[in-house]
Amino acid sequence: MTSLNQENIQTVTLGMGCFWSPDALFGHMAGIVRTRVGYAGGTTADPTYHQLGDHSETVEMDFDPEIVSLDSIVNVFWDNHNPQNINDYKGRQYRSILLYRDEMQLGVIRNVLQHREQLGNDRPDTEVAPFVRFYRAEDRHQKYYLKRFPDAYGKLSTLYPSHEDLVNSTLAARLNGVAKGYVNLTRIVEEIEAWPIEEEERGQLIRLIRQIKW
């Protein structure tokens, strides 16, 4: 199993400072199918971590809108960082940014902004811009917190034929959230019990993650 795959998957890209924590924050949420971190929002060709140019650290996620709506994702985005001052860093590397893929996504972002302002929130200093391109970050940045637990990462590696498959898996996204402390394992097990997969595979996943030494 590499991920949960639904036909109506949508994709959104956003930045809210260092991409490690947002990767775990969104990855633990039901409805998020897969996440990856990288660089976007600028014009520099082939950016790297040490040469970002005018890009920002971002998280790109695929999600099932029947389980988690884009407006919920956007609200989580604004509820979990301060766009005016991200880690006291004023450059473009750590920037509050929402990159929309179409007019539908832009409309959702505008509606969420309007609703938040009606509730008394100040208009955030977030750049809202059309999505152009996402450059995937180096492997060491993918599922960063999960990799800090060798037993967890090692056991998970037995399920996937490659690092790419592991990073793109729904299970790795959830366990990255566990590793960061955004969610406990009990809630992940409860979610897996409802996944549309074969009973044997479901049991295999649950047995494996319950054996992890955190």
Foldseek 3Di string as FASTA:
>chain_A
DLWADDPQKDKWKWAAFAVLVVLLQVLQDPFWTAKFKFWFDDDDPPAAPVRNDQTEIMMMTIGDCVRPNLLNVVVVLVVPHAQVAHPVDDGNHHHGETADADVVSVVSNVVSQVVVVVVPDDRGPYHYYHTDDTDTYDLCSQLVLQVVQVQSVVLLPVVDPDSVSSSGYSVSSSVSNCSVPVDPVVVVLVVLVPRPDDPVVSVVVNVSVVPGDD
